């Protein structure tokens, strides 16, 4: 699975909405999706991560947060 933020902002969906507006049903302004896309950090995970990989994610996240 892949998460790409607010999918309505992705180029393929922008083009689809222009070419075929009825192809996508949107309810509301999607402000929640925009906020999540702009104000959060997505950490991708999958069951095959090793302990070393997880530790790298933790260390990198901590370093980033200490700089902020």
PDB file of N, CA and C in Angstrom:
ATOM      1  N   UNK A   1       0.838  -1.173   0.000  1.00  0.00           N
ATOM      2  CA  UNK A   1       0.000   0.000   0.000  1.00  0.00           C
ATOM      3  C   UNK A   1       0.885   1.239   0.000  1.00  0.00           C
ATOM      4  N   UNK A   2       0.389   2.285  -0.598  1.00  0.00           N
ATOM      5  CA  UNK A   2       1.128   3.532  -0.684  1.00  0.00           C
ATOM      6  C   UNK A   2       0.231   4.674  -0.251  1.00  0.00           C
ATOM      7  N   UNK A   3       0.791   5.553   0.564  1.00  0.00           N
ATOM      8  CA  UNK A   3       0.056   6.735   1.002  1.00  0.00           C
ATOM      9  C   UNK A   3       0.678   7.933   0.323  1.00  0.00           C
ATOM     10  N   UNK A   4      -0.123   8.729  -0.338  1.00  0.00           N
ATOM     11  CA  UNK A   4       0.408   9.880  -1.061  1.00  0.00           C
ATOM     12  C   UNK A   4      -0.182  11.194  -0.617  1.00  0.00           C
ATOM     13  N   UNK A   5      -0.558  11.319   0.629  1.00  0.00           N
ATOM     14  CA  UNK A   5      -1.168  12.567   1.089  1.00  0.00           C
ATOM     15  C   UNK A   5      -2.601  12.663   0.593  1.00  0.00           C
ATOM     16  N   UNK A   6      -3.056  13.865   0.344  1.00  0.00           N
ATOM     17  CA  UNK A   6      -4.393  14.075  -0.201  1.00  0.00           C
ATOM     18  C   UNK A   6      -4.342  13.684  -1.676  1.00  0.00           C
ATOM     19  N   UNK A   7      -4.868  12.525  -2.003  1.00  0.00           N
ATOM     20  CA  UNK A   7      -4.772  12.004  -3.362  1.00  0.00           C
ATOM     21  C   UNK A   7      -5.391  12.926  -4.391  1.00  0.00           C
ATOM     22  N   UNK A   8      -6.333  13.758  -3.994  1.00  0.00           N
ATOM     23  CA  UNK A   8      -6.935  14.695  -4.936  1.00  0.00           C
ATOM     24  C   UNK A   8      -5.942  15.752  -5.408  1.00  0.00           C
ATOM     25  N   UNK A   9      -4.826  15.895  -4.703  1.00  0.00           N
ATOM     26  CA  UNK A   9      -3.775  16.850  -5.084  1.00  0.00           C
ATOM     27  C   UNK A   9      -2.714  16.197  -5.986  1.00  0.00           C
ATOM     28  N   UNK A  10      -2.759  14.885  -6.138  1.00  0.00           N
ATOM     29  CA  UNK A  10      -1.802  14.176  -6.984  1.00  0.00           C
ATOM     30  C   UNK A  10      -2.114  14.449  -8.455  1.00  0.00           C
ATOM     31  N   UNK A  11      -1.080  14.530  -9.258  1.00  0.00           N
ATOM     32  CA  UNK A  11      -1.229  14.919 -10.669  1.00  0.00           C
ATOM     33  C   UNK A  11      -2.235  14.058 -11.429  1.00  0.00           C
ATOM     34  N   UNK A  12      -2.218  12.758 -11.200  1.00  0.00           N
ATOM     35  CA  UNK A  12      -3.131  11.873 -11.929  1.00  0.00           C
ATOM     36  C   UNK A  12      -4.587  12.192 -11.618  1.00  0.00           C
ATOM     37  N   UNK A  13      -4.885  12.485 -10.366  1.00  0.00           N
ATOM     38  CA  UNK A  13      -6.261  12.781  -9.987  1.00  0.00           C
ATOM     39  C   UNK A  13      -6.669  14.192 -10.410  1.00  0.00           C
ATOM     40  N   UNK A  14      -5.730  15.132 -10.411  1.00  0.00           N
ATOM     41  CA  UNK A  14      -6.025  16.476 -10.912  1.00  0.00           C
ATOM     42  C   UNK A  14      -6.416  16.375 -12.382  1.00  0.00           C
ATOM     43  N   UNK A  15      -5.638  15.626 -13.143  1.00  0.00           N
ATOM     44  CA  UNK A  15      -5.937  15.452 -14.564  1.00  0.00           C
ATOM     45  C   UNK A  15      -7.265  14.728 -14.771  1.00  0.00           C
ATOM     46  N   UNK A  16      -7.515  13.678 -14.000  1.00  0.00           N
ATOM     47  CA  UNK A  16      -8.768  12.932 -14.121  1.00  0.00           C
ATOM     48  C   UNK A  16      -9.967  13.819 -13.838  1.00  0.00           C
ATOM     49  N   UNK A  17      -9.869  14.656 -12.803  1.00  0.00           N
ATOM     50  CA  UNK A  17     -10.983  15.561 -12.477  1.00  0.00           C
ATOM     51  C   UNK A  17     -11.217  16.578 -13.581  1.00  0.00           C
ATOM     52  N   UNK A  18     -10.147  17.004 -14.255  1.00  0.00           N
ATOM     53  CA  UNK A  18     -10.296  17.953 -15.360  1.00  0.00           C
ATOM     54  C   UNK A  18     -10.939  17.281 -16.566  1.00  0.00           C
ATOM     55  N   UNK A  19     -10.481  16.067 -16.874  1.00  0.00           N
ATOM     56  CA  UNK A  19     -10.954  15.367 -18.068  1.00  0.00           C
ATOM     57  C   UNK A  19     -12.323  14.721 -17.888  1.00  0.00           C
ATOM     58  N   UNK A  20     -12.605  14.257 -16.677  1.00  0.00           N
ATOM     59  CA  UNK A  20     -13.854  13.542 -16.426  1.00  0.00           C
ATOM     60  C   UNK A  20     -14.330  13.854 -15.004  1.00  0.00           C
ATOM     61  N   UNK A  21     -14.915  15.022 -14.793  1.00  0.00           N
ATOM     62  CA  UNK A  21     -15.309  15.455 -13.442  1.00  0.00           C
ATOM     63  C   UNK A  21     -16.212  14.467 -12.705  1.00  0.00           C
ATOM     64  N   UNK A  22     -16.993  13.700 -13.407  1.00  0.00           N
ATOM     65  CA  UNK A  22     -17.883  12.748 -12.754  1.00  0.00           C
ATOM     66  C   UNK A  22     -17.206  11.475 -12.295  1.00  0.00           C
ATOM     67  N   UNK A  23     -15.929  11.307 -12.609  1.00  0.00           N
ATOM     68  CA  UNK A  23     -15.214  10.069 -12.276  1.00  0.00           C
ATOM     69  C   UNK A  23     -14.881   9.972 -10.786  1.00  0.00           C
ATOM     70  N   UNK A  24     -14.823  11.101 -10.110  1.00  0.00           N
ATOM     71  CA  UNK A  24     -14.448  11.115  -8.695  1.00  0.00           C
ATOM     72  C   UNK A  24     -15.522  11.838  -7.904  1.00  0.00           C
ATOM     73  N   UNK A  25     -15.962  11.201  -6.848  1.00  0.00           N
ATOM     74  CA  UNK A  25     -16.956  11.816  -5.962  1.00  0.00           C
ATOM     75  C   UNK A  25     -16.232  12.368  -4.742  1.00  0.00           C
ATOM     76  N   UNK A  26     -16.350  13.655  -4.521  1.00  0.00           N
ATOM     77  CA  UNK A  26     -15.696  14.308  -3.392  1.00  0.00           C
ATOM     78  C   UNK A  26     -16.769  14.932  -2.519  1.00  0.00           C
ATOM     79  N   UNK A  27     -16.705  14.654  -1.223  1.00  0.00           N
ATOM     80  CA  UNK A  27     -17.664  15.209  -0.281  1.00  0.00           C
ATOM     81  C   UNK A  27     -16.922  16.208   0.608  1.00  0.00           C
ATOM     82  N   UNK A  28     -17.279  17.460   0.514  1.00  0.00           N
ATOM     83  CA  UNK A  28     -16.659  18.483   1.349  1.00  0.00           C
ATOM     84  C   UNK A  28     -15.399  19.057   0.742  1.00  0.00           C
ATOM     85  N   UNK A  29     -14.707  19.838   1.539  1.00  0.00           N
ATOM     86  CA  UNK A  29     -13.524  20.565   1.078  1.00  0.00           C
ATOM     87  C   UNK A  29     -12.226  19.789   1.255  1.00  0.00           C
ATOM     88  N   UNK A  30     -12.264  18.673   1.939  1.00  0.00           N
ATOM     89  CA  UNK A  30     -11.082  17.842   2.188  1.00  0.00           C
ATOM     90  C   UNK A  30     -10.022  18.571   3.018  1.00  0.00           C
ATOM     91  N   UNK A  31     -10.454  19.483   3.883  1.00  0.00           N
ATOM     92  CA  UNK A  31      -9.507  20.244   4.696  1.00  0.00           C
ATOM     93  C   UNK A  31      -8.748  19.341   5.664  1.00  0.00           C
ATOM     94  N   UNK A  32      -9.399  18.308   6.155  1.00  0.00           N
ATOM     95  CA  UNK A  32      -8.717  17.371   7.053  1.00  0.00           C
ATOM     96  C   UNK A  32      -7.595  16.642   6.335  1.00  0.00           C
ATOM     97  N   UNK A  33      -7.853  16.205   5.116  1.00  0.00           N
ATOM     98  CA  UNK A  33      -6.828  15.511   4.333  1.00  0.00           C
ATOM     99  C   UNK A  33      -5.668  16.451   4.010  1.00  0.00           C
ATOM    100  N   UNK A  34      -5.982  17.703   3.690  1.00  0.00           N
ATOM    101  CA  UNK A  34      -4.926  18.683   3.425  1.00  0.00           C
ATOM    102  C   UNK A  34      -4.091  18.942   4.677  1.00  0.00           C
ATOM    103  N   UNK A  35      -4.749  19.046   5.811  1.00  0.00           N
ATOM    104  CA  UNK A  35      -4.019  19.311   7.057  1.00  0.00           C
ATOM    105  C   UNK A  35      -3.089  18.142   7.394  1.00  0.00           C
ATOM    106  N   UNK A  36      -3.601  16.932   7.267  1.00  0.00           N
ATOM    107  CA  UNK A  36      -2.758  15.762   7.527  1.00  0.00           C
ATOM    108  C   UNK A  36      -1.566  15.751   6.574  1.00  0.00           C
ATOM    109  N   UNK A  37      -1.817  16.049   5.302  1.00  0.00           N
ATOM    110  CA  UNK A  37      -0.753  16.039   4.301  1.00  0.00           C
ATOM    111  C   UNK A  37       0.312  17.096   4.607  1.00  0.00           C
ATOM    112  N   UNK A  38      -0.104  18.257   5.077  1.00  0.00           N
ATOM    113  CA  UNK A  38       0.822  19.370   5.274  1.00  0.00           C
ATOM    114  C   UNK A  38       1.443  19.458   6.655  1.00  0.00           C
ATOM    115  N   UNK A  39       0.808  18.855   7.676  1.00  0.00           N
ATOM    116  CA  UNK A  39       1.256  19.075   9.050  1.00  0.00           C
ATOM    117  C   UNK A  39       1.615  17.803   9.801  1.00  0.00           C
ATOM    118  N   UNK A  40       1.817  16.722   9.101  1.00  0.00           N
ATOM    119  CA  UNK A  40       2.143  15.481   9.806  1.00  0.00           C
ATOM    120  C   UNK A  40       3.359  14.819   9.166  1.00  0.00           C
ATOM    121  N   UNK A  41       3.879  13.846   9.864  1.00  0.00           N
ATOM    122  CA  UNK A  41       4.996  13.053   9.366  1.00  0.00           C
ATOM    123  C   UNK A  41       4.487  11.634   9.170  1.00  0.00           C
ATOM    124  N   UNK A  42       4.699  11.116   7.976  1.00  0.00           N
ATOM    125  CA  UNK A  42       4.287   9.747   7.680  1.00  0.00           C
ATOM    126  C   UNK A  42       5.505   8.839   7.778  1.00  0.00           C
ATOM    127  N   UNK A  43       5.395   7.829   8.599  1.00  0.00           N
ATOM    128  CA  UNK A  43       6.461   6.841   8.731  1.00  0.00           C
ATOM    129  C   UNK A  43       5.952   5.550   8.120  1.00  0.00           C
ATOM    130  N   UNK A  44       6.500   5.183   7.003  1.00  0.00           N
ATOM    131  CA  UNK A  44       6.098   3.946   6.344  1.00  0.00           C
ATOM    132  C   UNK A  44       6.689   2.742   7.064  1.00  0.00           C
ATOM    133  N   UNK A  45       5.878   1.764   7.283  1.00  0.00           N
ATOM    134  CA  UNK A  45       6.348   0.545   7.944  1.00  0.00           C
ATOM    135  C   UNK A  45       5.792  -0.670   7.219  1.00  0.00           C
ATOM    136  N   UNK A  46       6.465  -1.778   7.387  1.00  0.00           N
ATOM    137  CA  UNK A  46       5.974  -3.035   6.861  1.00  0.00           C
ATOM    138  C   UNK A  46       6.528  -4.153   7.739  1.00  0.00           C
ATOM    139  N   UNK A  47       5.932  -5.328   7.712  1.00  0.00           N
ATOM    140  CA  UNK A  47       6.326  -6.398   8.642  1.00  0.00           C
ATOM    141  C   UNK A  47       7.770  -6.861   8.504  1.00  0.00           C
ATOM    142  N   UNK A  48       8.431  -6.583   7.391  1.00  0.00           N
ATOM    143  CA  UNK A  48       9.789  -7.057   7.181  1.00  0.00           C
ATOM    144  C   UNK A  48      10.880  -6.161   7.739  1.00  0.00           C
ATOM    145  N   UNK A  49      10.518  -5.100   8.450  1.00  0.00           N
ATOM    146  CA  UNK A  49      11.547  -4.228   9.020  1.00  0.00           C
ATOM    147  C   UNK A  49      12.339  -4.979  10.087  1.00  0.00           C
ATOM    148  N   UNK A  50      13.644  -4.836  10.017  1.00  0.00           N
ATOM    149  CA  UNK A  50      14.499  -5.450  11.031  1.00  0.00           C
ATOM    150  C   UNK A  50      14.618  -4.504  12.222  1.00  0.00           C
ATOM    151  N   UNK A  51      15.159  -5.022  13.299  1.00  0.00           N
ATOM    152  CA  UNK A  51      15.360  -4.183  14.480  1.00  0.00           C
ATOM    153  C   UNK A  51      16.281  -3.002  14.144  1.00  0.00           C
ATOM    154  N   UNK A  52      17.303  -3.249  13.350  1.00  0.00           N
ATOM    155  CA  UNK A  52      18.226  -2.179  12.956  1.00  0.00           C
ATOM    156  C   UNK A  52      17.494  -1.106  12.146  1.00  0.00           C
ATOM    157  N   UNK A  53      16.601  -1.515  11.275  1.00  0.00           N
ATOM    158  CA  UNK A  53      15.823  -0.548  10.490  1.00  0.00           C
ATOM    159  C   UNK A  53      14.938   0.295  11.391  1.00  0.00           C
ATOM    160  N   UNK A  54      14.277  -0.353  12.349  1.00  0.00           N
ATOM    161  CA  UNK A  54      13.417   0.375  13.280  1.00  0.00           C
ATOM    162  C   UNK A  54      14.222   1.354  14.124  1.00  0.00           C
ATOM    163  N   UNK A  55      15.401   0.924  14.583  1.00  0.00           N
ATOM    164  CA  UNK A  55      16.250   1.813  15.373  1.00  0.00           C
ATOM    165  C   UNK A  55      16.697   3.015  14.544  1.00  0.00           C
ATOM    166  N   UNK A  56      16.967   2.791  13.268  1.00  0.00           N
ATOM    167  CA  UNK A  56      17.341   3.905  12.388  1.00  0.00           C
ATOM    168  C   UNK A  56      16.198   4.910  12.274  1.00  0.00           C
ATOM    169  N   UNK A  57      14.984   4.427  12.114  1.00  0.00           N
ATOM    170  CA  UNK A  57      13.814   5.311  12.033  1.00  0.00           C
ATOM    171  C   UNK A  57      13.689   6.130  13.312  1.00  0.00           C
ATOM    172  N   UNK A  58      13.822   5.482  14.456  1.00  0.00           N
ATOM    173  CA  UNK A  58      13.709   6.172  15.746  1.00  0.00           C
ATOM    174  C   UNK A  58      14.811   7.218  15.887  1.00  0.00           C
ATOM    175  N   UNK A  59      16.053   6.842  15.587  1.00  0.00           N
ATOM    176  CA  UNK A  59      17.179   7.768  15.726  1.00  0.00           C
ATOM    177  C   UNK A  59      17.023   8.968  14.797  1.00  0.00           C
ATOM    178  N   UNK A  60      16.623   8.730  13.567  1.00  0.00           N
ATOM    179  CA  UNK A  60      16.460   9.805  12.599  1.00  0.00           C
ATOM    180  C   UNK A  60      15.331  10.747  13.001  1.00  0.00           C
ATOM    181  N   UNK A  61      14.238  10.183  13.491  1.00  0.00           N
ATOM    182  CA  UNK A  61      13.110  11.002  13.941  1.00  0.00           C
ATOM    183  C   UNK A  61      13.505  11.852  15.142  1.00  0.00           C
ATOM    184  N   UNK A  62      14.208  11.254  16.087  1.00  0.00           N
ATOM    185  CA  UNK A  62      14.667  12.024  17.255  1.00  0.00           C
ATOM    186  C   UNK A  62      15.582  13.175  16.836  1.00  0.00           C
ATOM    187  N   UNK A  63      16.526  12.894  15.950  1.00  0.00           N
ATOM    188  CA  UNK A  63      17.442  13.930  15.492  1.00  0.00           C
ATOM    189  C   UNK A  63      16.686  15.069  14.821  1.00  0.00           C
ATOM    190  N   UNK A  64      15.711  14.727  14.011  1.00  0.00           N
ATOM    191  CA  UNK A  64      14.905  15.749  13.344  1.00  0.00           C
ATOM    192  C   UNK A  64      14.147  16.597  14.364  1.00  0.00           C
ATOM    193  N   UNK A  65      13.549  15.949  15.349  1.00  0.00           N
ATOM    194  CA  UNK A  65      12.745  16.678  16.354  1.00  0.00           C
ATOM    195  C   UNK A  65      13.624  17.588  17.213  1.00  0.00           C
ATOM    196  N   UNK A  66      14.845  17.189  17.491  1.00  0.00           N
ATOM    197  CA  UNK A  66      15.733  18.022  18.296  1.00  0.00           C
ATOM    198  C   UNK A  66      16.190  19.263  17.539  1.00  0.00           C
ATOM    199  N   UNK A  67      16.212  19.195  16.209  1.00  0.00           N
ATOM    200  CA  UNK A  67      16.590  20.348  15.402  1.00  0.00           C
ATOM    201  C   UNK A  67      15.465  21.373  15.308  1.00  0.00           C
ATOM    202  N   UNK A  68      14.232  20.904  15.441  1.00  0.00           N
ATOM    203  CA  UNK A  68      13.061  21.785  15.249  1.00  0.00           C
ATOM    204  C   UNK A  68      12.870  22.734  16.392  1.00  0.00           C
TER     205      UNK A  68
END
